[in-house]
Every structure is written in structure tokens, then in C-alpha cells.
Amino acid sequence: MNETRHHHHHHDEDESSVFKHRSLNAIERRKKIEKYTYWATVIIAVVMAALVLVAYTTN
């Protein structure tokens, strides 16, 4: 019984794999957020440019 209880290595491996999985998820999430913020910035820039053009052409 003490033999099976003494297997501590497997638990450590689980911990590290959980940590690795969590960090991979964080990286994926960050990539997605970066992509969204990039497109949001592009859209805002296009809208601003369009507004500026409209403002200049109507005056």
C-alpha cells in the first residue's frame, strides 16, 4: 500500500501538464484578443478617415 501511495512523480507530471495546457490556452486567448484589437483598430482608423474625408468634402 505504501508503494502505491509513494508514486509522487505522476502527480508532478499532471501538475506540469495542467500548467502547460493553461499557458497554451492563455497564449491562444492572447492571440485571439490581439487579432480582435487589431481589426478594431483598423475599423476605427477607417471610420475616422471616412469622417475626416466627409468633413473636408462637405465644407
PDB file of N, CA and C in Angstrom:
ATOM      1  N   MET A   1       0.827  -1.196   0.000  1.00  0.00           N
ATOM      2  CA  MET A   1       0.000   0.000   0.000  1.00  0.00           C
ATOM      3  C   MET A   1       0.870   1.258   0.000  1.00  0.00           C
ATOM      4  N   ASN A   2       1.945   1.193   0.783  1.00  0.00           N
ATOM      5  CA  ASN A   2       2.852   2.334   0.824  1.00  0.00           C
ATOM      6  C   ASN A   2       3.523   2.535  -0.532  1.00  0.00           C
ATOM      7  N   GLU A   3       3.694   1.457  -1.272  1.00  0.00           N
ATOM      8  CA  GLU A   3       4.317   1.515  -2.590  1.00  0.00           C
ATOM      9  C   GLU A   3       3.465   2.360  -3.549  1.00  0.00           C
ATOM     10  N   THR A   4       2.168   2.133  -3.561  1.00  0.00           N
ATOM     11  CA  THR A   4       1.297   2.868  -4.480  1.00  0.00           C
ATOM     12  C   THR A   4       1.136   4.320  -4.031  1.00  0.00           C
ATOM     13  N   ARG A   5       1.151   4.538  -2.712  1.00  0.00           N
ATOM     14  CA  ARG A   5       0.996   5.894  -2.192  1.00  0.00           C
ATOM     15  C   ARG A   5       2.244   6.728  -2.454  1.00  0.00           C
ATOM     16  N   HIS A   6       3.359   6.051  -2.641  1.00  0.00           N
ATOM     17  CA  HIS A   6       4.634   6.753  -2.777  1.00  0.00           C
ATOM     18  C   HIS A   6       4.855   7.298  -4.190  1.00  0.00           C
ATOM     19  N   HIS A   7       3.986   6.933  -5.138  1.00  0.00           N
ATOM     20  CA  HIS A   7       4.145   7.425  -6.510  1.00  0.00           C
ATOM     21  C   HIS A   7       3.784   8.898  -6.572  1.00  0.00           C
ATOM     22  N   HIS A   8       4.759   9.721  -6.331  1.00  0.00           N
ATOM     23  CA  HIS A   8       4.542  11.161  -6.308  1.00  0.00           C
ATOM     24  C   HIS A   8       4.861  11.789  -7.657  1.00  0.00           C
ATOM     25  N   HIS A   9       5.621  11.055  -8.476  1.00  0.00           N
ATOM     26  CA  HIS A   9       6.097  11.601  -9.739  1.00  0.00           C
ATOM     27  C   HIS A   9       4.944  11.882 -10.703  1.00  0.00           C
ATOM     28  N   HIS A  10       3.968  10.986 -10.717  1.00  0.00           N
ATOM     29  CA  HIS A  10       2.849  11.135 -11.652  1.00  0.00           C
ATOM     30  C   HIS A  10       2.062  12.408 -11.361  1.00  0.00           C
ATOM     31  N   HIS A  11       1.917  12.705 -10.102  1.00  0.00           N
ATOM     32  CA  HIS A  11       1.185  13.914  -9.717  1.00  0.00           C
ATOM     33  C   HIS A  11       1.932  15.154 -10.210  1.00  0.00           C
ATOM     34  N   ASP A  12       3.236  15.151 -10.072  1.00  0.00           N
ATOM     35  CA  ASP A  12       4.047  16.282 -10.550  1.00  0.00           C
ATOM     36  C   ASP A  12       3.868  16.451 -12.057  1.00  0.00           C
ATOM     37  N   GLU A  13       3.837  15.335 -12.779  1.00  0.00           N
ATOM     38  CA  GLU A  13       3.679  15.382 -14.224  1.00  0.00           C
ATOM     39  C   GLU A  13       2.309  15.979 -14.571  1.00  0.00           C
ATOM     40  N   ASP A  14       1.287  15.573 -13.836  1.00  0.00           N
ATOM     41  CA  ASP A  14      -0.049  16.124 -14.038  1.00  0.00           C
ATOM     42  C   ASP A  14      -0.041  17.632 -13.833  1.00  0.00           C
ATOM     43  N   GLU A  15       0.594  18.052 -12.743  1.00  0.00           N
ATOM     44  CA  GLU A  15       0.654  19.484 -12.442  1.00  0.00           C
ATOM     45  C   GLU A  15       1.307  20.247 -13.586  1.00  0.00           C
ATOM     46  N   SER A  16       2.424  19.755 -14.078  1.00  0.00           N
ATOM     47  CA  SER A  16       3.146  20.469 -15.132  1.00  0.00           C
ATOM     48  C   SER A  16       2.351  20.461 -16.436  1.00  0.00           C
ATOM     49  N   SER A  17       1.660  19.355 -16.729  1.00  0.00           N
ATOM     50  CA  SER A  17       0.880  19.298 -17.969  1.00  0.00           C
ATOM     51  C   SER A  17      -0.323  20.234 -17.874  1.00  0.00           C
ATOM     52  N   VAL A  18      -0.911  20.315 -16.681  1.00  0.00           N
ATOM     53  CA  VAL A  18      -2.020  21.251 -16.473  1.00  0.00           C
ATOM     54  C   VAL A  18      -1.508  22.674 -16.673  1.00  0.00           C
ATOM     55  N   PHE A  19      -0.349  22.970 -16.090  1.00  0.00           N
ATOM     56  CA  PHE A  19       0.241  24.300 -16.224  1.00  0.00           C
ATOM     57  C   PHE A  19       0.533  24.613 -17.694  1.00  0.00           C
ATOM     58  N   LYS A  20       1.100  23.610 -18.406  1.00  0.00           N
ATOM     59  CA  LYS A  20       1.436  23.797 -19.814  1.00  0.00           C
ATOM     60  C   LYS A  20       0.174  24.071 -20.619  1.00  0.00           C
ATOM     61  N   HIS A  21      -0.873  23.277 -20.348  1.00  0.00           N
ATOM     62  CA  HIS A  21      -2.137  23.441 -21.056  1.00  0.00           C
ATOM     63  C   HIS A  21      -2.719  24.820 -20.785  1.00  0.00           C
ATOM     64  N   ARG A  22      -2.642  25.254 -19.530  1.00  0.00           N
ATOM     65  CA  ARG A  22      -3.182  26.557 -19.150  1.00  0.00           C
ATOM     66  C   ARG A  22      -2.426  27.669 -19.863  1.00  0.00           C
ATOM     67  N   SER A  23      -1.094  27.568 -19.916  1.00  0.00           N
ATOM     68  CA  SER A  23      -0.298  28.616 -20.565  1.00  0.00           C
ATOM     69  C   SER A  23      -0.548  28.617 -22.073  1.00  0.00           C
ATOM     70  N   LEU A  24      -0.747  27.419 -22.667  1.00  0.00           N
ATOM     71  CA  LEU A  24      -1.067  27.351 -24.092  1.00  0.00           C
ATOM     72  C   LEU A  24      -2.408  28.020 -24.354  1.00  0.00           C
ATOM     73  N   ASN A  25      -3.377  27.762 -23.478  1.00  0.00           N
ATOM     74  CA  ASN A  25      -4.682  28.409 -23.612  1.00  0.00           C
ATOM     75  C   ASN A  25      -4.550  29.915 -23.503  1.00  0.00           C
ATOM     76  N   ALA A  26      -3.720  30.371 -22.577  1.00  0.00           N
ATOM     77  CA  ALA A  26      -3.509  31.805 -22.392  1.00  0.00           C
ATOM     78  C   ALA A  26      -2.899  32.417 -23.652  1.00  0.00           C
ATOM     79  N   ILE A  27      -1.944  31.705 -24.259  1.00  0.00           N
ATOM     80  CA  ILE A  27      -1.304  32.191 -25.488  1.00  0.00           C
ATOM     81  C   ILE A  27      -2.342  32.281 -26.609  1.00  0.00           C
ATOM     82  N   GLU A  28      -3.170  31.227 -26.744  1.00  0.00           N
ATOM     83  CA  GLU A  28      -4.215  31.231 -27.763  1.00  0.00           C
ATOM     84  C   GLU A  28      -5.166  32.401 -27.550  1.00  0.00           C
ATOM     85  N   ARG A  29      -5.577  32.600 -26.284  1.00  0.00           N
ATOM     86  CA  ARG A  29      -6.509  33.683 -25.966  1.00  0.00           C
ATOM     87  C   ARG A  29      -5.888  35.036 -26.313  1.00  0.00           C
ATOM     88  N   ARG A  30      -4.585  35.195 -25.965  1.00  0.00           N
ATOM     89  CA  ARG A  30      -3.909  36.457 -26.246  1.00  0.00           C
ATOM     90  C   ARG A  30      -3.842  36.705 -27.757  1.00  0.00           C
ATOM     91  N   LYS A  31      -3.563  35.646 -28.532  1.00  0.00           N
ATOM     92  CA  LYS A  31      -3.517  35.791 -29.989  1.00  0.00           C
ATOM     93  C   LYS A  31      -4.867  36.252 -30.522  1.00  0.00           C
ATOM     94  N   LYS A  32      -5.945  35.620 -30.008  1.00  0.00           N
ATOM     95  CA  LYS A  32      -7.291  35.997 -30.442  1.00  0.00           C
ATOM     96  C   LYS A  32      -7.580  37.443 -30.088  1.00  0.00           C
ATOM     97  N   ILE A  33      -7.269  37.829 -28.863  1.00  0.00           N
ATOM     98  CA  ILE A  33      -7.517  39.202 -28.413  1.00  0.00           C
ATOM     99  C   ILE A  33      -6.716  40.184 -29.260  1.00  0.00           C
ATOM    100  N   GLU A  34      -5.447  39.832 -29.557  1.00  0.00           N
ATOM    101  CA  GLU A  34      -4.618  40.702 -30.390  1.00  0.00           C
ATOM    102  C   GLU A  34      -5.233  40.867 -31.778  1.00  0.00           C
ATOM    103  N   LYS A  35      -5.751  39.756 -32.320  1.00  0.00           N
ATOM    104  CA  LYS A  35      -6.369  39.809 -33.641  1.00  0.00           C
ATOM    105  C   LYS A  35      -7.589  40.722 -33.617  1.00  0.00           C
ATOM    106  N   TYR A  36      -8.421  40.560 -32.588  1.00  0.00           N
ATOM    107  CA  TYR A  36      -9.620  41.390 -32.466  1.00  0.00           C
ATOM    108  C   TYR A  36      -9.270  42.860 -32.277  1.00  0.00           C
ATOM    109  N   THR A  37      -8.305  43.138 -31.413  1.00  0.00           N
ATOM    110  CA  THR A  37      -7.934  44.538 -31.175  1.00  0.00           C
ATOM    111  C   THR A  37      -7.323  45.139 -32.438  1.00  0.00           C
ATOM    112  N   TYR A  38      -6.573  44.318 -33.203  1.00  0.00           N
ATOM    113  CA  TYR A  38      -6.003  44.807 -34.463  1.00  0.00           C
ATOM    114  C   TYR A  38      -7.115  45.221 -35.426  1.00  0.00           C
ATOM    115  N   TRP A  39      -8.102  44.332 -35.592  1.00  0.00           N
ATOM    116  CA  TRP A  39      -9.199  44.644 -36.510  1.00  0.00           C
ATOM    117  C   TRP A  39     -10.029  45.809 -36.003  1.00  0.00           C
ATOM    118  N   ALA A  40     -10.243  45.877 -34.691  1.00  0.00           N
ATOM    119  CA  ALA A  40     -10.984  47.008 -34.117  1.00  0.00           C
ATOM    120  C   ALA A  40     -10.252  48.313 -34.420  1.00  0.00           C
ATOM    121  N   THR A  41      -8.927  48.294 -34.263  1.00  0.00           N
ATOM    122  CA  THR A  41      -8.121  49.493 -34.542  1.00  0.00           C
ATOM    123  C   THR A  41      -8.216  49.872 -36.021  1.00  0.00           C
ATOM    124  N   VAL A  42      -8.140  48.876 -36.893  1.00  0.00           N
ATOM    125  CA  VAL A  42      -8.235  49.130 -38.334  1.00  0.00           C
ATOM    126  C   VAL A  42      -9.588  49.757 -38.666  1.00  0.00           C
ATOM    127  N   ILE A  43     -10.665  49.169 -38.121  1.00  0.00           N
ATOM    128  CA  ILE A  43     -12.014  49.677 -38.395  1.00  0.00           C
ATOM    129  C   ILE A  43     -12.155  51.109 -37.888  1.00  0.00           C
ATOM    130  N   ILE A  44     -11.662  51.356 -36.671  1.00  0.00           N
ATOM    131  CA  ILE A  44     -11.728  52.710 -36.106  1.00  0.00           C
ATOM    132  C   ILE A  44     -10.963  53.686 -36.996  1.00  0.00           C
ATOM    133  N   ALA A  45      -9.780  53.282 -37.450  1.00  0.00           N
ATOM    134  CA  ALA A  45      -8.968  54.153 -38.306  1.00  0.00           C
ATOM    135  C   ALA A  45      -9.698  54.453 -39.611  1.00  0.00           C
ATOM    136  N   VAL A  46     -10.326  53.444 -40.210  1.00  0.00           N
ATOM    137  CA  VAL A  46     -11.062  53.629 -41.471  1.00  0.00           C
ATOM    138  C   VAL A  46     -12.245  54.574 -41.249  1.00  0.00           C
ATOM    139  N   VAL A  47     -12.971  54.358 -40.148  1.00  0.00           N
ATOM    140  CA  VAL A  47     -14.121  55.216 -39.834  1.00  0.00           C
ATOM    141  C   VAL A  47     -13.663  56.663 -39.617  1.00  0.00           C
ATOM    142  N   MET A  48     -12.566  56.828 -38.882  1.00  0.00           N
ATOM    143  CA  MET A  48     -12.036  58.172 -38.630  1.00  0.00           C
ATOM    144  C   MET A  48     -11.645  58.842 -39.959  1.00  0.00           C
ATOM    145  N   ALA A  49     -10.952  58.094 -40.810  1.00  0.00           N
ATOM    146  CA  ALA A  49     -10.529  58.641 -42.104  1.00  0.00           C
ATOM    147  C   ALA A  49     -11.747  59.023 -42.939  1.00  0.00           C
ATOM    148  N   ALA A  50     -12.780  58.169 -42.925  1.00  0.00           N
ATOM    149  CA  ALA A  50     -14.001  58.458 -43.681  1.00  0.00           C
ATOM    150  C   ALA A  50     -14.668  59.709 -43.140  1.00  0.00           C
ATOM    151  N   LEU A  51     -14.735  59.833 -41.814  1.00  0.00           N
ATOM    152  CA  LEU A  51     -15.341  61.023 -41.204  1.00  0.00           C
ATOM    153  C   LEU A  51     -14.566  62.278 -41.571  1.00  0.00           C
ATOM    154  N   VAL A  52     -13.237  62.167 -41.550  1.00  0.00           N
ATOM    155  CA  VAL A  52     -12.388  63.313 -41.916  1.00  0.00           C
ATOM    156  C   VAL A  52     -12.646  63.704 -43.378  1.00  0.00           C
ATOM    157  N   LEU A  53     -12.691  62.713 -44.263  1.00  0.00           N
ATOM    158  CA  LEU A  53     -12.960  62.979 -45.677  1.00  0.00           C
ATOM    159  C   LEU A  53     -14.316  63.640 -45.856  1.00  0.00           C
ATOM    160  N   VAL A  54     -15.332  63.094 -45.173  1.00  0.00           N
ATOM    161  CA  VAL A  54     -16.677  63.655 -45.267  1.00  0.00           C
ATOM    162  C   VAL A  54     -16.675  65.086 -44.766  1.00  0.00           C
ATOM    163  N   ALA A  55     -16.015  65.331 -43.650  1.00  0.00           N
ATOM    164  CA  ALA A  55     -15.957  66.667 -43.060  1.00  0.00           C
ATOM    165  C   ALA A  55     -15.276  67.636 -44.026  1.00  0.00           C
ATOM    166  N   TYR A  56     -14.191  67.192 -44.662  1.00  0.00           N
ATOM    167  CA  TYR A  56     -13.462  68.075 -45.586  1.00  0.00           C
ATOM    168  C   TYR A  56     -14.252  68.315 -46.867  1.00  0.00           C
ATOM    169  N   THR A  57     -14.912  67.285 -47.401  1.00  0.00           N
ATOM    170  CA  THR A  57     -15.588  67.436 -48.682  1.00  0.00           C
ATOM    171  C   THR A  57     -16.900  68.203 -48.541  1.00  0.00           C
ATOM    172  N   THR A  58     -17.573  68.095 -47.381  1.00  0.00           N
ATOM    173  CA  THR A  58     -18.845  68.811 -47.219  1.00  0.00           C
ATOM    174  C   THR A  58     -18.606  70.286 -46.912  1.00  0.00           C
ATOM    175  N   ASN A  59     -17.484  70.618 -46.291  1.00  0.00           N
ATOM    176  CA  ASN A  59     -17.212  72.036 -46.022  1.00  0.00           C
ATOM    177  C   ASN A  59     -16.656  72.614 -47.282  1.00  0.00           C
TER     178      ASN A  59
END
